[in-house]
Amino acid sequence: MSGYIVAIVAGSVLVSGPPRPDGPHLAAAIIPIVPMFLALFQTYSAIRSMDELQRRIHVDGLMLALLGTIAIVLGVGLLQMIAGVPTFTVFWLWIPICTLYGLGVFLGQRRYS
């Protein structure tokens, strides 16, 4: 994750100005994807190496994160379409995903402890 943070900060510092689809801006946007994939692979490997109970707890967390995020996205989409609330970028999805995943793991640990 530190590599991801360094890539984000470096890209923000080295490429200034408004976003545009030229080479430096595209590179600054794509380079952080490499450490992100490494972090995702490490997380996948860590969960695969857990025992069955710990894996079940994490799957419960992932299930809560997925279903809760779907409910939030559909709810916000309806609010945007019907009530005209402001639109949100995809970047904001990380907040409910991480929060609901943490809550799901916490509830799973409480359930099986």
PDB file of N, CA and C in Angstrom:
ATOM      1  N   MET A   1       0.819  -1.192   0.000  1.00  0.00           N
ATOM      2  CA  MET A   1       0.000   0.000   0.000  1.00  0.00           C
ATOM      3  C   MET A   1       0.863   1.257   0.000  1.00  0.00           C
ATOM      4  N   SER A   2       2.050   1.163   0.591  1.00  0.00           N
ATOM      5  CA  SER A   2       2.927   2.340   0.570  1.00  0.00           C
ATOM      6  C   SER A   2       3.341   2.674  -0.866  1.00  0.00           C
ATOM      7  N   GLY A   3       3.547   1.659  -1.700  1.00  0.00           N
ATOM      8  CA  GLY A   3       3.854   1.898  -3.114  1.00  0.00           C
ATOM      9  C   GLY A   3       2.702   2.598  -3.821  1.00  0.00           C
ATOM     10  N   TYR A   4       1.479   2.239  -3.470  1.00  0.00           N
ATOM     11  CA  TYR A   4       0.299   2.880  -4.039  1.00  0.00           C
ATOM     12  C   TYR A   4       0.250   4.355  -3.637  1.00  0.00           C
ATOM     13  N   ILE A   5       0.506   4.623  -2.360  1.00  0.00           N
ATOM     14  CA  ILE A   5       0.487   6.005  -1.869  1.00  0.00           C
ATOM     15  C   ILE A   5       1.573   6.825  -2.562  1.00  0.00           C
ATOM     16  N   VAL A   6       2.778   6.258  -2.682  1.00  0.00           N
ATOM     17  CA  VAL A   6       3.871   6.967  -3.352  1.00  0.00           C
ATOM     18  C   VAL A   6       3.497   7.253  -4.811  1.00  0.00           C
ATOM     19  N   ALA A   7       2.896   6.279  -5.491  1.00  0.00           N
ATOM     20  CA  ALA A   7       2.512   6.478  -6.894  1.00  0.00           C
ATOM     21  C   ALA A   7       1.446   7.561  -7.033  1.00  0.00           C
ATOM     22  N   ILE A   8       0.490   7.599  -6.114  1.00  0.00           N
ATOM     23  CA  ILE A   8      -0.564   8.623  -6.161  1.00  0.00           C
ATOM     24  C   ILE A   8       0.037  10.012  -5.928  1.00  0.00           C
ATOM     25  N   VAL A   9       0.874  10.130  -4.880  1.00  0.00           N
ATOM     26  CA  VAL A   9       1.471  11.434  -4.563  1.00  0.00           C
ATOM     27  C   VAL A   9       2.395  11.880  -5.692  1.00  0.00           C
ATOM     28  N   ALA A  10       3.227  10.979  -6.194  1.00  0.00           N
ATOM     29  CA  ALA A  10       4.148  11.333  -7.285  1.00  0.00           C
ATOM     30  C   ALA A  10       3.376  11.760  -8.529  1.00  0.00           C
ATOM     31  N   GLY A  11       2.325  11.031  -8.862  1.00  0.00           N
ATOM     32  CA  GLY A  11       1.529  11.404 -10.024  1.00  0.00           C
ATOM     33  C   GLY A  11       0.859  12.755  -9.849  1.00  0.00           C
ATOM     34  N   SER A  12       0.400  13.043  -8.637  1.00  0.00           N
ATOM     35  CA  SER A  12      -0.253  14.331  -8.379  1.00  0.00           C
ATOM     36  C   SER A  12       0.735  15.486  -8.434  1.00  0.00           C
ATOM     37  N   VAL A  13       1.964  15.256  -7.969  1.00  0.00           N
ATOM     38  CA  VAL A  13       2.971  16.317  -7.946  1.00  0.00           C
ATOM     39  C   VAL A  13       3.559  16.536  -9.344  1.00  0.00           C
ATOM     40  N   LEU A  14       3.847  15.456 -10.052  1.00  0.00           N
ATOM     41  CA  LEU A  14       4.512  15.576 -11.350  1.00  0.00           C
ATOM     42  C   LEU A  14       3.586  16.052 -12.468  1.00  0.00           C
ATOM     43  N   VAL A  15       2.310  15.755 -12.361  1.00  0.00           N
ATOM     44  CA  VAL A  15       1.362  16.152 -13.400  1.00  0.00           C
ATOM     45  C   VAL A  15       0.392  17.150 -12.782  1.00  0.00           C
ATOM     46  N   SER A  16       0.498  18.380 -13.222  1.00  0.00           N
ATOM     47  CA  SER A  16      -0.385  19.408 -12.678  1.00  0.00           C
ATOM     48  C   SER A  16      -1.359  19.875 -13.746  1.00  0.00           C
ATOM     49  N   GLY A  17      -2.226  20.734 -13.341  1.00  0.00           N
ATOM     50  CA  GLY A  17      -3.193  21.279 -14.280  1.00  0.00           C
ATOM     51  C   GLY A  17      -4.457  20.447 -14.318  1.00  0.00           C
ATOM     52  N   PRO A  18      -5.382  20.870 -15.147  1.00  0.00           N
ATOM     53  CA  PRO A  18      -6.651  20.138 -15.228  1.00  0.00           C
ATOM     54  C   PRO A  18      -6.451  18.768 -15.872  1.00  0.00           C
ATOM     55  N   PRO A  19      -7.300  17.792 -15.538  1.00  0.00           N
ATOM     56  CA  PRO A  19      -7.192  16.467 -16.153  1.00  0.00           C
ATOM     57  C   PRO A  19      -7.402  16.553 -17.663  1.00  0.00           C
ATOM     58  N   ARG A  20      -6.572  15.843 -18.391  1.00  0.00           N
ATOM     59  CA  ARG A  20      -6.728  15.778 -19.849  1.00  0.00           C
ATOM     60  C   ARG A  20      -6.122  14.456 -20.336  1.00  0.00           C
ATOM     61  N   PRO A  21      -6.560  13.976 -21.493  1.00  0.00           N
ATOM     62  CA  PRO A  21      -6.120  12.661 -21.975  1.00  0.00           C
ATOM     63  C   PRO A  21      -4.816  12.704 -22.764  1.00  0.00           C
ATOM     64  N   ASP A  22      -3.758  13.263 -22.183  1.00  0.00           N
ATOM     65  CA  ASP A  22      -2.461  13.223 -22.853  1.00  0.00           C
ATOM     66  C   ASP A  22      -1.584  12.168 -22.165  1.00  0.00           C
ATOM     67  N   GLY A  23      -0.398  11.948 -22.694  1.00  0.00           N
ATOM     68  CA  GLY A  23       0.487  10.889 -22.198  1.00  0.00           C
ATOM     69  C   GLY A  23       0.829  10.982 -20.718  1.00  0.00           C
ATOM     70  N   PRO A  24       1.338  12.120 -20.232  1.00  0.00           N
ATOM     71  CA  PRO A  24       1.705  12.196 -18.814  1.00  0.00           C
ATOM     72  C   PRO A  24       0.515  11.998 -17.867  1.00  0.00           C
ATOM     73  N   HIS A  25      -0.641  12.540 -18.221  1.00  0.00           N
ATOM     74  CA  HIS A  25      -1.806  12.376 -17.356  1.00  0.00           C
ATOM     75  C   HIS A  25      -2.289  10.923 -17.353  1.00  0.00           C
ATOM     76  N   LEU A  26      -2.264  10.284 -18.514  1.00  0.00           N
ATOM     77  CA  LEU A  26      -2.659   8.875 -18.569  1.00  0.00           C
ATOM     78  C   LEU A  26      -1.686   8.007 -17.779  1.00  0.00           C
ATOM     79  N   ALA A  27      -0.392   8.281 -17.885  1.00  0.00           N
ATOM     80  CA  ALA A  27       0.602   7.511 -17.128  1.00  0.00           C
ATOM     81  C   ALA A  27       0.415   7.713 -15.626  1.00  0.00           C
ATOM     82  N   ALA A  28       0.172   8.960 -15.214  1.00  0.00           N
ATOM     83  CA  ALA A  28      -0.036   9.233 -13.790  1.00  0.00           C
ATOM     84  C   ALA A  28      -1.280   8.527 -13.262  1.00  0.00           C
ATOM     85  N   ALA A  29      -2.260   8.304 -14.114  1.00  0.00           N
ATOM     86  CA  ALA A  29      -3.471   7.609 -13.696  1.00  0.00           C
ATOM     87  C   ALA A  29      -3.300   6.093 -13.704  1.00  0.00           C
ATOM     88  N   ILE A  30      -2.454   5.577 -14.585  1.00  0.00           N
ATOM     89  CA  ILE A  30      -2.311   4.127 -14.733  1.00  0.00           C
ATOM     90  C   ILE A  30      -1.245   3.545 -13.807  1.00  0.00           C
ATOM     91  N   ILE A  31      -0.172   4.277 -13.538  1.00  0.00           N
ATOM     92  CA  ILE A  31       0.929   3.748 -12.728  1.00  0.00           C
ATOM     93  C   ILE A  31       0.476   3.256 -11.341  1.00  0.00           C
ATOM     94  N   PRO A  32      -0.422   3.932 -10.622  1.00  0.00           N
ATOM     95  CA  PRO A  32      -0.850   3.413  -9.307  1.00  0.00           C
ATOM     96  C   PRO A  32      -1.608   2.089  -9.376  1.00  0.00           C
ATOM     97  N   ILE A  33      -2.038   1.697 -10.577  1.00  0.00           N
ATOM     98  CA  ILE A  33      -2.761   0.431 -10.693  1.00  0.00           C
ATOM     99  C   ILE A  33      -1.839  -0.755 -10.397  1.00  0.00           C
ATOM    100  N   VAL A  34      -0.559  -0.652 -10.731  1.00  0.00           N
ATOM    101  CA  VAL A  34       0.384  -1.754 -10.501  1.00  0.00           C
ATOM    102  C   VAL A  34       0.503  -2.086  -9.020  1.00  0.00           C
ATOM    103  N   PRO A  35       0.831  -1.125  -8.115  1.00  0.00           N
ATOM    104  CA  PRO A  35       0.880  -1.492  -6.698  1.00  0.00           C
ATOM    105  C   PRO A  35      -0.487  -1.876  -6.133  1.00  0.00           C
ATOM    106  N   MET A  36      -1.568  -1.348  -6.711  1.00  0.00           N
ATOM    107  CA  MET A  36      -2.894  -1.738  -6.245  1.00  0.00           C
ATOM    108  C   MET A  36      -3.133  -3.218  -6.527  1.00  0.00           C
ATOM    109  N   PHE A  37      -2.762  -3.689  -7.725  1.00  0.00           N
ATOM    110  CA  PHE A  37      -2.920  -5.102  -8.037  1.00  0.00           C
ATOM    111  C   PHE A  37      -2.032  -5.975  -7.150  1.00  0.00           C
ATOM    112  N   LEU A  38      -0.835  -5.498  -6.831  1.00  0.00           N
ATOM    113  CA  LEU A  38       0.027  -6.252  -5.914  1.00  0.00           C
ATOM    114  C   LEU A  38      -0.618  -6.367  -4.530  1.00  0.00           C
ATOM    115  N   ALA A  39      -1.233  -5.294  -4.059  1.00  0.00           N
ATOM    116  CA  ALA A  39      -1.914  -5.334  -2.757  1.00  0.00           C
ATOM    117  C   ALA A  39      -3.121  -6.263  -2.805  1.00  0.00           C
ATOM    118  N   LEU A  40      -3.867  -6.229  -3.905  1.00  0.00           N
ATOM    119  CA  LEU A  40      -5.015  -7.123  -4.037  1.00  0.00           C
ATOM    120  C   LEU A  40      -4.572  -8.584  -4.082  1.00  0.00           C
ATOM    121  N   PHE A  41      -3.495  -8.878  -4.797  1.00  0.00           N
ATOM    122  CA  PHE A  41      -2.979 -10.241  -4.847  1.00  0.00           C
ATOM    123  C   PHE A  41      -2.510 -10.698  -3.463  1.00  0.00           C
ATOM    124  N   GLN A  42      -1.868  -9.808  -2.713  1.00  0.00           N
ATOM    125  CA  GLN A  42      -1.416 -10.151  -1.368  1.00  0.00           C
ATOM    126  C   GLN A  42      -2.607 -10.435  -0.449  1.00  0.00           C
ATOM    127  N   THR A  43      -3.644  -9.637  -0.567  1.00  0.00           N
ATOM    128  CA  THR A  43      -4.857  -9.868   0.231  1.00  0.00           C
ATOM    129  C   THR A  43      -5.490 -11.203  -0.142  1.00  0.00           C
ATOM    130  N   TYR A  44      -5.587 -11.484  -1.420  1.00  0.00           N
ATOM    131  CA  TYR A  44      -6.120 -12.760  -1.884  1.00  0.00           C
ATOM    132  C   TYR A  44      -5.303 -13.926  -1.338  1.00  0.00           C
ATOM    133  N   SER A  45      -3.986 -13.817  -1.410  1.00  0.00           N
ATOM    134  CA  SER A  45      -3.112 -14.883  -0.904  1.00  0.00           C
ATOM    135  C   SER A  45      -3.254 -15.063   0.598  1.00  0.00           C
ATOM    136  N   ALA A  46      -3.381 -13.960   1.325  1.00  0.00           N
ATOM    137  CA  ALA A  46      -3.522 -14.044   2.786  1.00  0.00           C
ATOM    138  C   ALA A  46      -4.828 -14.730   3.164  1.00  0.00           C
ATOM    139  N   ILE A  47      -5.895 -14.412   2.474  1.00  0.00           N
ATOM    140  CA  ILE A  47      -7.182 -15.048   2.782  1.00  0.00           C
ATOM    141  C   ILE A  47      -7.156 -16.519   2.385  1.00  0.00           C
ATOM    142  N   ARG A  48      -6.499 -16.850   1.263  1.00  0.00           N
ATOM    143  CA  ARG A  48      -6.406 -18.258   0.846  1.00  0.00           C
ATOM    144  C   ARG A  48      -5.596 -19.104   1.826  1.00  0.00           C
ATOM    145  N   SER A  49      -4.664 -18.488   2.546  1.00  0.00           N
ATOM    146  CA  SER A  49      -3.840 -19.251   3.480  1.00  0.00           C
ATOM    147  C   SER A  49      -4.482 -19.394   4.866  1.00  0.00           C
ATOM    148  N   MET A  50      -5.636 -18.782   5.084  1.00  0.00           N
ATOM    149  CA  MET A  50      -6.310 -18.876   6.377  1.00  0.00           C
ATOM    150  C   MET A  50      -7.008 -20.223   6.525  1.00  0.00           C
ATOM    151  N   ASP A  51      -7.328 -20.562   7.773  1.00  0.00           N
ATOM    152  CA  ASP A  51      -8.088 -21.785   7.990  1.00  0.00           C
ATOM    153  C   ASP A  51      -9.556 -21.546   7.594  1.00  0.00           C
ATOM    154  N   GLU A  52     -10.344 -22.602   7.626  1.00  0.00           N
ATOM    155  CA  GLU A  52     -11.710 -22.523   7.107  1.00  0.00           C
ATOM    156  C   GLU A  52     -12.574 -21.526   7.858  1.00  0.00           C
ATOM    157  N   LEU A  53     -12.436 -21.453   9.169  1.00  0.00           N
ATOM    158  CA  LEU A  53     -13.265 -20.538   9.952  1.00  0.00           C
ATOM    159  C   LEU A  53     -12.932 -19.087   9.634  1.00  0.00           C
ATOM    160  N   GLN A  54     -11.635 -18.760   9.569  1.00  0.00           N
ATOM    161  CA  GLN A  54     -11.250 -17.388   9.246  1.00  0.00           C
ATOM    162  C   GLN A  54     -11.695 -17.006   7.832  1.00  0.00           C
ATOM    163  N   ARG A  55     -11.590 -17.950   6.902  1.00  0.00           N
ATOM    164  CA  ARG A  55     -12.057 -17.677   5.540  1.00  0.00           C
ATOM    165  C   ARG A  55     -13.551 -17.433   5.523  1.00  0.00           C
ATOM    166  N   ARG A  56     -14.291 -18.197   6.302  1.00  0.00           N
ATOM    167  CA  ARG A  56     -15.742 -18.002   6.357  1.00  0.00           C
ATOM    168  C   ARG A  56     -16.078 -16.627   6.920  1.00  0.00           C
ATOM    169  N   ILE A  57     -15.338 -16.192   7.925  1.00  0.00           N
ATOM    170  CA  ILE A  57     -15.554 -14.867   8.507  1.00  0.00           C
ATOM    171  C   ILE A  57     -15.310 -13.791   7.456  1.00  0.00           C
ATOM    172  N   HIS A  58     -14.236 -13.922   6.682  1.00  0.00           N
ATOM    173  CA  HIS A  58     -13.934 -12.921   5.651  1.00  0.00           C
ATOM    174  C   HIS A  58     -14.935 -12.976   4.501  1.00  0.00           C
ATOM    175  N   VAL A  59     -15.408 -14.146   4.162  1.00  0.00           N
ATOM    176  CA  VAL A  59     -16.439 -14.245   3.124  1.00  0.00           C
ATOM    177  C   VAL A  59     -17.725 -13.584   3.616  1.00  0.00           C
ATOM    178  N   ASP A  60     -18.061 -13.755   4.894  1.00  0.00           N
ATOM    179  CA  ASP A  60     -19.224 -13.050   5.446  1.00  0.00           C
ATOM    180  C   ASP A  60     -19.042 -11.541   5.334  1.00  0.00           C
ATOM    181  N   GLY A  61     -17.826 -11.052   5.617  1.00  0.00           N
ATOM    182  CA  GLY A  61     -17.546  -9.625   5.485  1.00  0.00           C
ATOM    183  C   GLY A  61     -17.675  -9.156   4.047  1.00  0.00           C
ATOM    184  N   LEU A  62     -17.150  -9.946   3.121  1.00  0.00           N
ATOM    185  CA  LEU A  62     -17.253  -9.593   1.703  1.00  0.00           C
ATOM    186  C   LEU A  62     -18.701  -9.597   1.230  1.00  0.00           C
ATOM    187  N   MET A  63     -19.479 -10.570   1.730  1.00  0.00           N
ATOM    188  CA  MET A  63     -20.881 -10.645   1.340  1.00  0.00           C
ATOM    189  C   MET A  63     -21.648  -9.417   1.838  1.00  0.00           C
ATOM    190  N   LEU A  64     -21.405  -9.006   3.082  1.00  0.00           N
ATOM    191  CA  LEU A  64     -22.063  -7.816   3.607  1.00  0.00           C
ATOM    192  C   LEU A  64     -21.629  -6.576   2.816  1.00  0.00           C
ATOM    193  N   ALA A  65     -20.350  -6.488   2.489  1.00  0.00           N
ATOM    194  CA  ALA A  65     -19.852  -5.343   1.719  1.00  0.00           C
ATOM    195  C   ALA A  65     -20.495  -5.307   0.336  1.00  0.00           C
ATOM    196  N   LEU A  66     -20.585  -6.443  -0.333  1.00  0.00           N
ATOM    197  CA  LEU A  66     -21.169  -6.490  -1.668  1.00  0.00           C
ATOM    198  C   LEU A  66     -22.646  -6.126  -1.636  1.00  0.00           C
ATOM    199  N   LEU A  67     -23.406  -6.798  -0.784  1.00  0.00           N
ATOM    200  CA  LEU A  67     -24.849  -6.558  -0.757  1.00  0.00           C
ATOM    201  C   LEU A  67     -25.177  -5.157  -0.251  1.00  0.00           C
ATOM    202  N   GLY A  68     -24.456  -4.694   0.752  1.00  0.00           N
ATOM    203  CA  GLY A  68     -24.690  -3.346   1.263  1.00  0.00           C
ATOM    204  C   GLY A  68     -24.345  -2.278   0.244  1.00  0.00           C
ATOM    205  N   THR A  69     -23.244  -2.479  -0.484  1.00  0.00           N
ATOM    206  CA  THR A  69     -22.858  -1.508  -1.513  1.00  0.00           C
ATOM    207  C   THR A  69     -23.862  -1.500  -2.654  1.00  0.00           C
ATOM    208  N   ILE A  70     -24.369  -2.661  -3.026  1.00  0.00           N
ATOM    209  CA  ILE A  70     -25.408  -2.716  -4.061  1.00  0.00           C
ATOM    210  C   ILE A  70     -26.633  -1.931  -3.610  1.00  0.00           C
ATOM    211  N   ALA A  71     -27.053  -2.122  -2.365  1.00  0.00           N
ATOM    212  CA  ALA A  71     -28.220  -1.399  -1.846  1.00  0.00           C
ATOM    213  C   ALA A  71     -27.970   0.108  -1.843  1.00  0.00           C
ATOM    214  N   ILE A  72     -26.777   0.510  -1.434  1.00  0.00           N
ATOM    215  CA  ILE A  72     -26.450   1.940  -1.397  1.00  0.00           C
ATOM    216  C   ILE A  72     -26.427   2.530  -2.807  1.00  0.00           C
ATOM    217  N   VAL A  73     -25.802   1.824  -3.744  1.00  0.00           N
ATOM    218  CA  VAL A  73     -25.717   2.322  -5.122  1.00  0.00           C
ATOM    219  C   VAL A  73     -27.113   2.441  -5.737  1.00  0.00           C
ATOM    220  N   LEU A  74     -27.950   1.432  -5.536  1.00  0.00           N
ATOM    221  CA  LEU A  74     -29.303   1.505  -6.082  1.00  0.00           C
ATOM    222  C   LEU A  74     -30.100   2.631  -5.431  1.00  0.00           C
ATOM    223  N   GLY A  75     -29.960   2.784  -4.117  1.00  0.00           N
ATOM    224  CA  GLY A  75     -30.662   3.858  -3.421  1.00  0.00           C
ATOM    225  C   GLY A  75     -30.225   5.233  -3.885  1.00  0.00           C
ATOM    226  N   VAL A  76     -28.921   5.439  -4.001  1.00  0.00           N
ATOM    227  CA  VAL A  76     -28.408   6.735  -4.462  1.00  0.00           C
ATOM    228  C   VAL A  76     -28.804   6.962  -5.917  1.00  0.00           C
ATOM    229  N   GLY A  77     -28.777   5.914  -6.734  1.00  0.00           N
ATOM    230  CA  GLY A  77     -29.192   6.050  -8.124  1.00  0.00           C
ATOM    231  C   GLY A  77     -30.644   6.487  -8.245  1.00  0.00           C
ATOM    232  N   LEU A  78     -31.505   5.909  -7.424  1.00  0.00           N
ATOM    233  CA  LEU A  78     -32.904   6.328  -7.441  1.00  0.00           C
ATOM    234  C   LEU A  78     -33.062   7.763  -6.963  1.00  0.00           C
ATOM    235  N   LEU A  79     -32.306   8.130  -5.935  1.00  0.00           N
ATOM    236  CA  LEU A  79     -32.361   9.514  -5.458  1.00  0.00           C
ATOM    237  C   LEU A  79     -31.890  10.488  -6.537  1.00  0.00           C
ATOM    238  N   GLN A  80     -30.860  10.108  -7.276  1.00  0.00           N
ATOM    239  CA  GLN A  80     -30.363  10.978  -8.344  1.00  0.00           C
ATOM    240  C   GLN A  80     -31.368  11.079  -9.478  1.00  0.00           C
ATOM    241  N   MET A  81     -31.969   9.958  -9.830  1.00  0.00           N
ATOM    242  CA  MET A  81     -32.875   9.931 -10.972  1.00  0.00           C
ATOM    243  C   MET A  81     -34.216  10.587 -10.635  1.00  0.00           C
ATOM    244  N   ILE A  82     -34.744  10.336  -9.445  1.00  0.00           N
ATOM    245  CA  ILE A  82     -36.089  10.803  -9.119  1.00  0.00           C
ATOM    246  C   ILE A  82     -36.071  12.134  -8.370  1.00  0.00           C
ATOM    247  N   ALA A  83     -35.186  12.249  -7.370  1.00  0.00           N
ATOM    248  CA  ALA A  83     -35.197  13.453  -6.530  1.00  0.00           C
ATOM    249  C   ALA A  83     -34.178  14.495  -6.968  1.00  0.00           C
ATOM    250  N   GLY A  84     -33.295  14.148  -7.891  1.00  0.00           N
ATOM    251  CA  GLY A  84     -32.337  15.118  -8.401  1.00  0.00           C
ATOM    252  C   GLY A  84     -31.206  15.463  -7.451  1.00  0.00           C
ATOM    253  N   VAL A  85     -30.839  14.529  -6.544  1.00  0.00           N
ATOM    254  CA  VAL A  85     -29.698  14.805  -5.667  1.00  0.00           C
ATOM    255  C   VAL A  85     -28.425  14.816  -6.507  1.00  0.00           C
ATOM    256  N   PRO A  86     -27.368  15.481  -6.027  1.00  0.00           N
ATOM    257  CA  PRO A  86     -26.130  15.567  -6.819  1.00  0.00           C
ATOM    258  C   PRO A  86     -25.519  14.189  -7.083  1.00  0.00           C
ATOM    259  N   THR A  87     -24.795  14.094  -8.175  1.00  0.00           N
ATOM    260  CA  THR A  87     -24.138  12.838  -8.522  1.00  0.00           C
ATOM    261  C   THR A  87     -22.844  12.679  -7.728  1.00  0.00           C
ATOM    262  N   PHE A  88     -22.436  11.454  -7.552  1.00  0.00           N
ATOM    263  CA  PHE A  88     -21.198  11.115  -6.850  1.00  0.00           C
ATOM    264  C   PHE A  88     -20.300  10.350  -7.801  1.00  0.00           C
ATOM    265  N   THR A  89     -18.993  10.461  -7.605  1.00  0.00           N
ATOM    266  CA  THR A  89     -18.058   9.694  -8.430  1.00  0.00           C
ATOM    267  C   THR A  89     -17.878   8.302  -7.839  1.00  0.00           C
ATOM    268  N   VAL A  90     -17.347   7.407  -8.647  1.00  0.00           N
ATOM    269  CA  VAL A  90     -17.107   6.030  -8.220  1.00  0.00           C
ATOM    270  C   VAL A  90     -16.101   5.984  -7.063  1.00  0.00           C
ATOM    271  N   PHE A  91     -15.236   6.973  -6.967  1.00  0.00           N
ATOM    272  CA  PHE A  91     -14.233   7.015  -5.900  1.00  0.00           C
ATOM    273  C   PHE A  91     -14.867   6.880  -4.522  1.00  0.00           C
ATOM    274  N   TRP A  92     -16.060   7.417  -4.329  1.00  0.00           N
ATOM    275  CA  TRP A  92     -16.724   7.394  -3.023  1.00  0.00           C
ATOM    276  C   TRP A  92     -17.237   6.013  -2.642  1.00  0.00           C
ATOM    277  N   LEU A  93     -17.236   5.049  -3.561  1.00  0.00           N
ATOM    278  CA  LEU A  93     -17.692   3.696  -3.231  1.00  0.00           C
ATOM    279  C   LEU A  93     -16.761   2.982  -2.254  1.00  0.00           C
ATOM    280  N   TRP A  94     -15.495   3.395  -2.191  1.00  0.00           N
ATOM    281  CA  TRP A  94     -14.560   2.742  -1.277  1.00  0.00           C
ATOM    282  C   TRP A  94     -14.994   2.893   0.177  1.00  0.00           C
ATOM    283  N   ILE A  95     -15.641   3.985   0.508  1.00  0.00           N
ATOM    284  CA  ILE A  95     -16.045   4.216   1.897  1.00  0.00           C
ATOM    285  C   ILE A  95     -17.062   3.170   2.356  1.00  0.00           C
ATOM    286  N   PRO A  96     -18.188   2.969   1.650  1.00  0.00           N
ATOM    287  CA  PRO A  96     -19.105   1.928   2.141  1.00  0.00           C
ATOM    288  C   PRO A  96     -18.542   0.515   1.989  1.00  0.00           C
ATOM    289  N   ILE A  97     -17.751   0.276   0.945  1.00  0.00           N
ATOM    290  CA  ILE A  97     -17.192  -1.065   0.776  1.00  0.00           C
ATOM    291  C   ILE A  97     -16.296  -1.418   1.964  1.00  0.00           C
ATOM    292  N   CYS A  98     -15.359  -0.545   2.293  1.00  0.00           N
ATOM    293  CA  CYS A  98     -14.437  -0.820   3.401  1.00  0.00           C
ATOM    294  C   CYS A  98     -15.157  -0.851   4.751  1.00  0.00           C
ATOM    295  N   THR A  99     -16.083   0.078   4.938  1.00  0.00           N
ATOM    296  CA  THR A  99     -16.822   0.125   6.199  1.00  0.00           C
ATOM    297  C   THR A  99     -17.662  -1.134   6.397  1.00  0.00           C
ATOM    298  N   LEU A 100     -18.395  -1.517   5.362  1.00  0.00           N
ATOM    299  CA  LEU A 100     -19.241  -2.709   5.485  1.00  0.00           C
ATOM    300  C   LEU A 100     -18.414  -3.990   5.580  1.00  0.00           C
ATOM    301  N   TYR A 101     -17.284  -4.043   4.900  1.00  0.00           N
ATOM    302  CA  TYR A 101     -16.401  -5.212   5.025  1.00  0.00           C
ATOM    303  C   TYR A 101     -15.876  -5.322   6.451  1.00  0.00           C
ATOM    304  N   GLY A 102     -15.413  -4.209   7.007  1.00  0.00           N
ATOM    305  CA  GLY A 102     -14.938  -4.224   8.399  1.00  0.00           C
ATOM    306  C   GLY A 102     -16.037  -4.618   9.369  1.00  0.00           C
ATOM    307  N   LEU A 103     -17.236  -4.104   9.155  1.00  0.00           N
ATOM    308  CA  LEU A 103     -18.369  -4.459  10.003  1.00  0.00           C
ATOM    309  C   LEU A 103     -18.702  -5.938   9.868  1.00  0.00           C
ATOM    310  N   GLY A 104     -18.681  -6.450   8.651  1.00  0.00           N
ATOM    311  CA  GLY A 104     -18.972  -7.866   8.427  1.00  0.00           C
ATOM    312  C   GLY A 104     -17.952  -8.779   9.080  1.00  0.00           C
ATOM    313  N   VAL A 105     -16.682  -8.435   8.999  1.00  0.00           N
ATOM    314  CA  VAL A 105     -15.641  -9.240   9.659  1.00  0.00           C
ATOM    315  C   VAL A 105     -15.808  -9.160  11.170  1.00  0.00           C
ATOM    316  N   PHE A 106     -16.096  -7.970  11.697  1.00  0.00           N
ATOM    317  CA  PHE A 106     -16.306  -7.804  13.134  1.00  0.00           C
ATOM    318  C   PHE A 106     -17.482  -8.668  13.609  1.00  0.00           C
ATOM    319  N   LEU A 107     -18.603  -8.614  12.881  1.00  0.00           N
ATOM    320  CA  LEU A 107     -19.765  -9.418  13.272  1.00  0.00           C
ATOM    321  C   LEU A 107     -19.482 -10.910  13.140  1.00  0.00           C
ATOM    322  N   GLY A 108     -18.743 -11.296  12.102  1.00  0.00           N
ATOM    323  CA  GLY A 108     -18.379 -12.701  11.946  1.00  0.00           C
ATOM    324  C   GLY A 108     -17.483 -13.196  13.069  1.00  0.00           C
ATOM    325  N   GLN A 109     -16.526 -12.370  13.488  1.00  0.00           N
ATOM    326  CA  GLN A 109     -15.652 -12.757  14.604  1.00  0.00           C
ATOM    327  C   GLN A 109     -16.438 -12.886  15.888  1.00  0.00           C
ATOM    328  N   ARG A 110     -17.384 -11.993  16.097  1.00  0.00           N
ATOM    329  CA  ARG A 110     -18.229 -12.075  17.307  1.00  0.00           C
ATOM    330  C   ARG A 110     -19.093 -13.326  17.248  1.00  0.00           C
ATOM    331  N   ARG A 111     -19.581 -13.651  16.082  1.00  0.00           N
ATOM    332  CA  ARG A 111     -20.483 -14.814  15.937  1.00  0.00           C
ATOM    333  C   ARG A 111     -19.757 -16.126  16.251  1.00  0.00           C
ATOM    334  N   TYR A 112     -18.526 -16.247  15.810  1.00  0.00           N
ATOM    335  CA  TYR A 112     -17.802 -17.500  15.964  1.00  0.00           C
ATOM    336  C   TYR A 112     -16.847 -17.539  17.138  1.00  0.00           C
ATOM    337  N   SER A 113     -16.820 -16.492  17.954  1.00  0.00           N
ATOM    338  CA  SER A 113     -15.883 -16.515  19.105  1.00  0.00           C
ATOM    339  C   SER A 113     -16.557 -17.012  20.359  1.00  0.00           C
TER     340      SER A 113
END
